[in-house]
Amino acid sequence: MKTLDVALGERSYPIFIGGQLLGQSQLLAPYIRGRQVVIVSNETVAPLYLEQLRTTLSEYDIATVILPDGEQYKTLEYLNSIFDGLLEARCGRDVTLIALGGGVVGDMTGFAAASYQRGVNFIQIPTTLLAQVDSSVGGKTGVNHRLGKNMIGAFYQPQSVLIDTTVLATLDDRQLSAGIAEVIKYGLICDEPFFCWLEENMSSLLARDETALAYAIERSCRNKAAIVAQDEKEGGVRALLNLGHTFGHAIEAGMGYGKWLHGEAVAAGTCIAAELSRRQGYIDEATVTRIIVLTKAAHLPTQAPAELSLSCFNEWMAVDKKVQAGKLRLILLKGIGKALITADFDIALMNASIEACRESH
């Protein structure tokens, strides 16, 4: 097992990474405040891992909330079902929420914890690769709105993150690839040696080689923890973690939440960002090609859907959280492992890049 630390002063917390961790109560007990525990999961994950977690925590008073599975359910309406569960179980301020699931479950459980009685403890147990390497770490919580993704939420840190790599054995291939999109992101924004490692080891990741997966998860979490420690609430450098996300969120929302997985949309969005970086003169064609080749090797899309028009892209991007003073800021690349946050880009080149990266009709 590896232990990393997210260094945030009094809000610091550990990330435990290893196999067969779900049965180790000593990793959870120090971060559970009182006797009451509410486990939030979904209809896909609960049949696989809920009973094992209940057994691990048998000394506590446990209630459960089971959400439907999918990004389309990441709404205030379904968030309310977590509050219903908390109130029906008469949970006090010493309750601990545990998120057992992917990014949607983690984001919603964290937001519920931030809101219930103005803040209670929660623990992240991410069960998808994407949640393990990205959404479970850093304290971003929230829900979607029909007019914009993740527009309602809070920065609220967990007490700990427990990453059991064994659970990836039940993750389907599409979800595995979606998680790899966020892994690739770390190489692109701040870790060129890791990007090179991914070029050499992508087949091992897709084959679910335990050593390769554990290394990729640890390296990704280490990169994210370092960035979050510098900028917890995205006032500066943390925005680099949004490479590809502005375009990707437009794809997710424009196509209808749940049709494209988050990682798939981010992959296509990253290819658009790379193309715009080339057109801005930041990187060369060979660098764009490396990014596209690695993305394809991960079985991820490199183009946006043809049915999402340029005007739709612009409409959705106008409500992006990185808009400041009416100006959209994008994350672009200066090279592999070098990214920048900028509002100083050519809109015409951005539109041309989107068009170039849309599937042909």
Protein backbone atom coordinates (compact mmCIF):
# COMPACT_ATOMS: atom_id res chain seq x y z
CA MET A 1 0.00 0.00 0.00
CA LYS A 2 1.11 3.56 -0.76
CA THR A 3 0.01 6.58 1.25
CA LEU A 4 0.06 10.09 -0.18
CA ASP A 5 -0.80 13.29 1.65
CA VAL A 6 -2.87 16.18 0.35
CA ALA A 7 -1.17 19.02 2.22
CA LEU A 8 -3.83 21.58 3.14
CA GLY A 9 -2.86 22.52 6.67
CA GLU A 10 -5.60 21.58 9.12
CA ARG A 11 -7.65 20.14 6.22
CA SER A 12 -4.85 17.80 5.10
CA TYR A 13 -5.83 14.18 4.47
CA PRO A 14 -4.31 10.90 3.29
CA ILE A 15 -4.87 8.97 0.07
CA PHE A 16 -4.44 5.22 0.55
CA ILE A 17 -3.66 3.27 -2.65
CA GLY A 18 -3.45 -0.52 -2.84
CA GLY A 19 -5.22 -3.82 -3.39
CA GLN A 20 -7.83 -5.36 -1.05
CA LEU A 21 -8.19 -2.17 1.00
CA LEU A 22 -11.99 -2.30 1.22
CA GLY A 23 -11.80 -4.88 3.99
CA GLN A 24 -9.33 -2.97 6.15
CA SER A 25 -11.36 -1.20 8.83
CA GLN A 26 -8.25 0.33 10.40
CA LEU A 27 -7.88 2.55 7.32
CA LEU A 28 -11.40 3.94 7.78
CA ALA A 29 -11.99 4.04 11.55
CA PRO A 30 -9.71 7.03 12.32
CA TYR A 31 -11.73 9.17 9.90
CA ILE A 32 -15.20 8.25 11.14
CA ARG A 33 -16.39 10.78 13.66
CA GLY A 34 -19.32 9.19 15.52
CA ARG A 35 -21.38 6.00 15.45
CA GLN A 36 -23.53 6.92 12.45
CA VAL A 37 -22.34 6.15 8.93
CA VAL A 38 -24.32 6.72 5.73
CA ILE A 39 -22.95 4.95 2.66
CA VAL A 40 -23.97 6.52 -0.64
CA SER A 41 -23.57 4.29 -3.68
CA ASN A 42 -25.35 3.55 -6.97
CA GLU A 43 -27.28 0.71 -8.56
CA THR A 44 -24.19 -0.61 -10.37
CA VAL A 45 -21.62 -0.51 -7.57
CA ALA A 46 -23.82 -1.38 -4.57
CA PRO A 47 -24.49 -5.02 -5.61
CA LEU A 48 -20.74 -5.53 -6.03
CA TYR A 49 -19.17 -3.87 -2.98
CA LEU A 50 -21.77 -2.55 -0.52
CA GLU A 51 -22.01 -5.72 1.61
CA GLN A 52 -18.22 -5.99 1.84
CA LEU A 53 -18.03 -2.40 3.12
CA ARG A 54 -20.92 -2.98 5.54
CA THR A 55 -19.07 -5.99 6.94
CA THR A 56 -15.87 -3.95 7.32
CA LEU A 57 -17.84 -1.30 9.24
CA SER A 58 -20.08 -3.69 11.19
CA GLU A 59 -19.44 -1.90 14.50
CA TYR A 60 -21.16 1.27 13.24
CA ASP A 61 -24.82 2.18 12.77
CA ILE A 62 -25.09 2.11 9.00
CA ALA A 63 -27.73 3.53 6.67
CA THR A 64 -27.49 3.47 2.87
CA VAL A 65 -28.63 5.65 -0.03
CA ILE A 66 -28.57 4.03 -3.47
CA LEU A 67 -28.65 6.43 -6.43
CA PRO A 68 -29.35 5.56 -10.06
CA ASP A 69 -26.18 5.24 -12.12
CA GLY A 70 -25.27 7.95 -14.62
CA GLU A 71 -24.29 11.57 -15.16
CA GLN A 72 -27.91 12.43 -16.02
CA TYR A 73 -28.81 11.83 -12.35
CA LYS A 74 -26.22 14.27 -11.00
CA THR A 75 -28.92 16.83 -10.17
CA LEU A 76 -30.41 18.69 -7.23
CA GLU A 77 -33.42 16.37 -7.38
CA TYR A 78 -31.31 13.26 -6.74
CA LEU A 79 -29.07 15.12 -4.29
CA ASN A 80 -32.21 15.57 -2.23
CA SER A 81 -32.54 11.80 -1.90
CA ILE A 82 -29.26 11.83 0.07
CA PHE A 83 -30.71 14.46 2.42
CA ASP A 84 -33.88 12.33 2.72
CA GLY A 85 -31.73 9.37 3.80
CA LEU A 86 -29.80 11.45 6.33
CA LEU A 87 -32.95 12.89 7.88
CA GLU A 88 -34.85 9.60 7.89
CA ALA A 89 -31.93 8.02 9.77
CA ARG A 90 -32.00 11.01 12.17
CA CYS A 91 -28.34 11.71 11.52
CA GLY A 92 -26.62 14.31 13.65
CA ARG A 93 -23.57 16.46 13.05
CA ASP A 94 -21.29 13.59 13.96
CA VAL A 95 -22.47 11.46 11.02
CA THR A 96 -19.87 10.39 8.44
CA LEU A 97 -20.89 10.01 4.80
CA ILE A 98 -18.98 7.51 2.66
CA ALA A 99 -19.04 7.81 -1.14
CA LEU A 100 -18.77 4.32 -2.66
CA GLY A 101 -18.83 4.76 -6.41
CA GLY A 102 -17.54 6.78 -9.33
CA GLY A 103 -17.28 10.51 -9.85
CA VAL A 104 -21.01 11.21 -9.78
CA VAL A 105 -21.45 9.47 -6.42
CA GLY A 106 -18.35 11.18 -5.03
CA ASP A 107 -19.34 14.66 -6.22
CA MET A 108 -22.89 14.34 -4.89
CA THR A 109 -21.91 12.79 -1.56
CA GLY A 110 -19.31 15.50 -1.02
CA PHE A 111 -21.83 18.25 -1.78
CA ALA A 112 -24.36 16.63 0.56
CA ALA A 113 -21.68 16.48 3.29
CA ALA A 114 -20.81 20.13 2.72
CA SER A 115 -24.47 21.12 3.03
CA TYR A 116 -26.00 18.83 5.65
CA GLN A 117 -26.18 20.71 8.96
CA ARG A 118 -23.63 23.09 7.35
CA GLY A 119 -20.92 20.47 7.09
CA VAL A 120 -20.27 16.90 8.20
CA ASN A 121 -17.40 14.47 7.61
CA PHE A 122 -17.12 12.36 4.48
CA ILE A 123 -14.78 9.74 3.04
CA GLN A 124 -14.16 8.97 -0.62
CA ILE A 125 -13.98 5.34 -1.79
CA PRO A 126 -13.78 5.76 -5.57
CA THR A 127 -14.56 2.67 -7.66
CA THR A 128 -13.81 3.92 -11.20
CA LEU A 129 -10.37 4.76 -12.54
CA LEU A 130 -11.51 8.29 -13.36
CA ALA A 131 -12.69 8.90 -9.80
CA GLN A 132 -9.54 7.30 -8.36
CA VAL A 133 -7.14 9.53 -10.32
CA ASP A 134 -9.16 12.73 -10.39
CA SER A 135 -12.56 13.53 -8.92
CA SER A 136 -12.07 11.89 -5.48
CA VAL A 137 -9.03 14.07 -4.74
CA GLY A 138 -9.18 17.83 -4.23
CA GLY A 139 -12.57 18.57 -2.72
CA LYS A 140 -14.57 19.66 -5.76
CA THR A 141 -18.17 18.65 -5.12
CA GLY A 142 -21.43 19.50 -6.82
CA VAL A 143 -24.20 18.75 -9.28
CA ASN A 144 -25.08 19.67 -12.84
CA HIS A 145 -27.75 22.10 -14.00
CA ARG A 146 -29.55 21.82 -17.33
CA LEU A 147 -27.78 25.06 -18.35
CA GLY A 148 -24.26 24.04 -17.30
CA LYS A 149 -22.13 21.23 -15.89
CA ASN A 150 -20.93 21.38 -12.26
CA MET A 151 -22.29 24.89 -11.86
CA ILE A 152 -23.75 24.25 -8.38
CA GLY A 153 -21.34 22.99 -5.74
CA ALA A 154 -18.73 23.66 -3.09
CA PHE A 155 -15.06 23.12 -2.34
CA TYR A 156 -15.23 20.63 0.52
CA GLN A 157 -12.39 18.25 1.36
CA PRO A 158 -12.87 14.62 2.43
CA GLN A 159 -11.32 13.20 5.61
CA SER A 160 -9.53 10.54 3.57
CA VAL A 161 -9.53 8.82 0.17
CA LEU A 162 -9.32 5.03 0.03
CA ILE A 163 -8.38 3.72 -3.43
CA ASP A 164 -8.77 -0.05 -3.68
CA THR A 165 -7.23 -1.01 -7.02
CA THR A 166 -8.87 -4.45 -6.82
CA VAL A 167 -12.29 -2.99 -7.67
CA LEU A 168 -11.11 -2.08 -11.16
CA ALA A 169 -11.49 -5.76 -12.07
CA THR A 170 -15.25 -5.19 -12.39
CA LEU A 171 -14.97 -1.91 -14.30
CA ASP A 172 -16.05 -2.17 -17.93
CA ASP A 173 -13.60 -1.37 -20.72
CA ARG A 174 -15.31 1.88 -21.73
CA GLN A 175 -15.13 3.24 -18.17
CA LEU A 176 -11.49 2.15 -17.88
CA SER A 177 -10.59 4.12 -21.02
CA ALA A 178 -12.55 7.12 -19.75
CA GLY A 179 -10.37 7.14 -16.63
CA ILE A 180 -7.20 6.95 -18.71
CA ALA A 181 -8.20 10.29 -20.32
CA GLU A 182 -7.58 12.01 -16.99
CA VAL A 183 -4.34 10.06 -16.50
CA ILE A 184 -3.07 11.34 -19.88
CA LYS A 185 -3.99 14.88 -18.76
CA TYR A 186 -1.42 14.82 -15.94
CA GLY A 187 1.35 13.94 -18.39
CA LEU A 188 0.31 16.78 -20.67
CA ILE A 189 0.00 19.55 -18.08
CA CYS A 190 2.96 18.90 -15.78
CA ASP A 191 4.71 15.54 -16.17
CA GLU A 192 6.39 14.83 -19.51
CA PRO A 193 8.22 11.70 -18.22
CA PHE A 194 4.83 10.26 -17.22
CA PHE A 195 3.45 10.99 -20.71
CA CYS A 196 6.40 9.08 -22.18
CA TRP A 197 5.72 6.23 -19.74
CA LEU A 198 2.10 6.13 -20.92
CA GLU A 199 3.23 5.91 -24.55
CA GLU A 200 5.26 2.81 -23.59
CA ASN A 201 2.72 1.22 -21.23
CA MET A 202 -0.76 1.92 -22.60
CA SER A 203 -1.32 -1.71 -23.59
CA SER A 204 -0.49 -2.80 -20.03
CA LEU A 205 -3.05 -0.35 -18.60
CA LEU A 206 -5.75 -1.56 -20.99
CA ALA A 207 -4.88 -5.16 -20.07
CA ARG A 208 -5.40 -4.17 -16.40
CA ASP A 209 -1.88 -5.04 -15.36
CA GLU A 210 -1.99 -4.44 -11.60
CA THR A 211 1.50 -2.98 -11.36
CA ALA A 212 0.93 -0.57 -14.24
CA LEU A 213 -2.47 0.55 -12.93
CA ALA A 214 -1.14 1.10 -9.40
CA TYR A 215 1.74 3.16 -10.77
CA ALA A 216 -0.53 5.28 -13.00
CA ILE A 217 -2.96 5.92 -10.13
CA GLU A 218 -0.22 6.87 -7.68
CA ARG A 219 1.55 9.16 -10.17
CA SER A 220 -1.73 10.85 -11.12
CA CYS A 221 -2.77 11.37 -7.49
CA ARG A 222 0.69 12.68 -6.62
CA ASN A 223 0.45 15.26 -9.41
CA LYS A 224 -3.06 16.31 -8.45
CA ALA A 225 -2.26 16.51 -4.73
CA ALA A 226 0.72 18.77 -5.44
CA ILE A 227 -1.41 21.14 -7.53
CA VAL A 228 -4.32 21.21 -5.04
CA ALA A 229 -1.88 21.92 -2.18
CA GLN A 230 -0.72 25.03 -4.08
CA ASP A 231 -4.20 26.26 -5.04
CA GLU A 232 -7.11 24.64 -3.22
CA LYS A 233 -9.90 26.80 -4.66
CA GLU A 234 -8.71 27.24 -8.24
CA GLY A 235 -7.54 30.82 -8.04
CA GLY A 236 -4.59 30.05 -10.30
CA VAL A 237 -2.54 26.96 -11.11
CA ARG A 238 -5.32 24.46 -10.26
CA ALA A 239 -7.17 25.56 -13.39
CA LEU A 240 -4.52 23.65 -15.36
CA LEU A 241 -6.35 20.49 -14.29
CA ASN A 242 -9.14 21.58 -16.64
CA LEU A 243 -7.18 20.87 -19.83
CA GLY A 244 -9.77 19.78 -22.40
CA HIS A 245 -12.62 20.26 -19.94
CA THR A 246 -14.14 23.45 -21.37
CA PHE A 247 -14.63 21.76 -24.74
CA GLY A 248 -15.43 18.45 -23.04
CA HIS A 249 -18.15 19.90 -20.81
CA ALA A 250 -19.74 21.44 -23.91
CA ILE A 251 -19.83 17.97 -25.49
CA GLU A 252 -21.31 16.37 -22.36
CA ALA A 253 -24.01 19.00 -21.90
CA GLY A 254 -24.71 19.51 -25.59
CA MET A 255 -25.15 15.79 -26.30
CA GLY A 256 -27.21 15.23 -23.15
CA TYR A 257 -25.63 14.19 -19.85
CA GLY A 258 -24.67 10.52 -19.84
CA LYS A 259 -24.40 9.95 -23.60
CA TRP A 260 -20.67 10.70 -23.62
CA LEU A 261 -18.70 9.68 -20.54
CA HIS A 262 -16.80 12.53 -18.89
CA GLY A 263 -13.43 11.04 -19.82
CA GLU A 264 -14.48 10.54 -23.44
CA ALA A 265 -15.55 14.17 -23.72
CA VAL A 266 -12.34 15.35 -22.05
CA ALA A 267 -10.27 13.27 -24.49
CA ALA A 268 -11.92 14.89 -27.51
CA GLY A 269 -11.70 18.29 -25.78
CA THR A 270 -7.98 17.81 -25.17
CA CYS A 271 -7.45 17.12 -28.88
CA ILE A 272 -9.27 20.39 -29.69
CA ALA A 273 -7.08 22.22 -27.16
CA ALA A 274 -3.97 20.68 -28.75
CA GLU A 275 -5.09 21.74 -32.21
CA LEU A 276 -5.73 25.30 -31.00
CA SER A 277 -2.32 25.32 -29.31
CA ARG A 278 -0.78 24.40 -32.67
CA ARG A 279 -2.72 27.10 -34.52
CA GLN A 280 -1.62 29.64 -31.89
CA GLY A 281 1.98 28.65 -32.60
CA TYR A 282 2.64 27.09 -29.18
CA ILE A 283 3.30 23.51 -30.32
CA ASP A 284 4.11 21.79 -33.60
CA GLU A 285 2.21 19.24 -35.68
CA ALA A 286 4.35 16.37 -34.36
CA THR A 287 3.28 17.13 -30.78
CA VAL A 288 -0.40 17.15 -31.76
CA THR A 289 0.12 13.82 -33.52
CA ARG A 290 1.68 12.30 -30.37
CA ILE A 291 -1.34 13.38 -28.34
CA ILE A 292 -3.80 11.99 -30.87
CA VAL A 293 -1.90 8.70 -31.22
CA LEU A 294 -1.84 8.15 -27.44
CA THR A 295 -5.53 9.09 -27.14
CA LYS A 296 -6.46 6.59 -29.86
CA ALA A 297 -4.26 3.95 -28.22
CA ALA A 298 -6.37 4.40 -25.07
CA HIS A 299 -9.50 3.67 -27.15
CA LEU A 300 -10.74 7.21 -26.66
CA PRO A 301 -12.37 9.59 -29.15
CA THR A 302 -10.16 12.25 -30.72
CA GLN A 303 -13.00 14.18 -32.38
CA ALA A 304 -16.14 15.89 -31.17
CA PRO A 305 -19.52 14.64 -32.42
CA ALA A 306 -20.60 16.03 -35.79
CA GLU A 307 -24.12 16.76 -34.54
CA LEU A 308 -22.83 19.30 -32.02
CA SER A 309 -22.62 22.50 -34.04
CA LEU A 310 -20.06 25.25 -33.57
CA SER A 311 -22.77 27.58 -32.28
CA CYS A 312 -23.77 24.95 -29.69
CA PHE A 313 -20.14 24.68 -28.57
CA ASN A 314 -19.92 28.44 -28.12
CA GLU A 315 -23.24 28.57 -26.30
CA TRP A 316 -22.18 25.97 -23.74
CA MET A 317 -18.69 27.38 -23.31
CA ALA A 318 -20.15 30.80 -22.48
CA VAL A 319 -21.38 29.36 -19.14
CA ASP A 320 -18.05 27.68 -18.32
CA LYS A 321 -16.77 28.28 -14.77
CA LYS A 322 -13.51 29.68 -16.16
CA VAL A 323 -15.25 32.68 -17.71
CA GLN A 324 -14.00 35.80 -15.92
CA ALA A 325 -15.16 39.35 -16.64
CA GLY A 326 -16.99 38.00 -19.66
CA LYS A 327 -13.83 36.42 -21.13
CA LEU A 328 -13.38 32.70 -21.59
CA ARG A 329 -10.09 31.31 -20.30
CA LEU A 330 -8.68 28.14 -21.82
CA ILE A 331 -5.94 25.71 -20.86
CA LEU A 332 -3.53 25.38 -23.79
CA LEU A 333 -0.25 23.55 -24.26
CA LYS A 334 3.26 24.95 -24.72
CA GLY A 335 4.61 21.42 -25.03
CA ILE A 336 4.23 17.98 -23.49
CA GLY A 337 4.26 18.64 -19.75
CA LYS A 338 3.83 22.42 -20.15
CA ALA A 339 0.43 24.09 -19.98
CA LEU A 340 -0.84 27.63 -19.56
CA ILE A 341 -4.07 29.34 -18.59
CA THR A 342 -4.94 32.10 -21.01
CA ALA A 343 -7.74 34.34 -22.24
CA ASP A 344 -5.38 35.67 -24.90
CA PHE A 345 -6.26 33.44 -27.82
CA ASP A 346 -7.78 34.06 -31.24
CA ILE A 347 -11.52 33.26 -31.24
CA ALA A 348 -11.42 32.57 -34.97
CA LEU A 349 -8.62 30.05 -34.44
CA MET A 350 -10.57 28.44 -31.61
CA ASN A 351 -13.61 28.05 -33.84
CA ALA A 352 -11.46 26.69 -36.66
CA SER A 353 -9.93 24.18 -34.23
CA ILE A 354 -13.37 22.99 -33.11
CA GLU A 355 -14.45 22.59 -36.73
CA ALA A 356 -11.25 20.71 -37.59
CA CYS A 357 -11.86 18.31 -34.70
CA ARG A 358 -15.54 17.58 -35.39
CA GLU A 359 -16.43 14.27 -36.98
CA SER A 360 -17.31 14.65 -40.63
CA HIS A 361 -21.02 14.29 -41.40
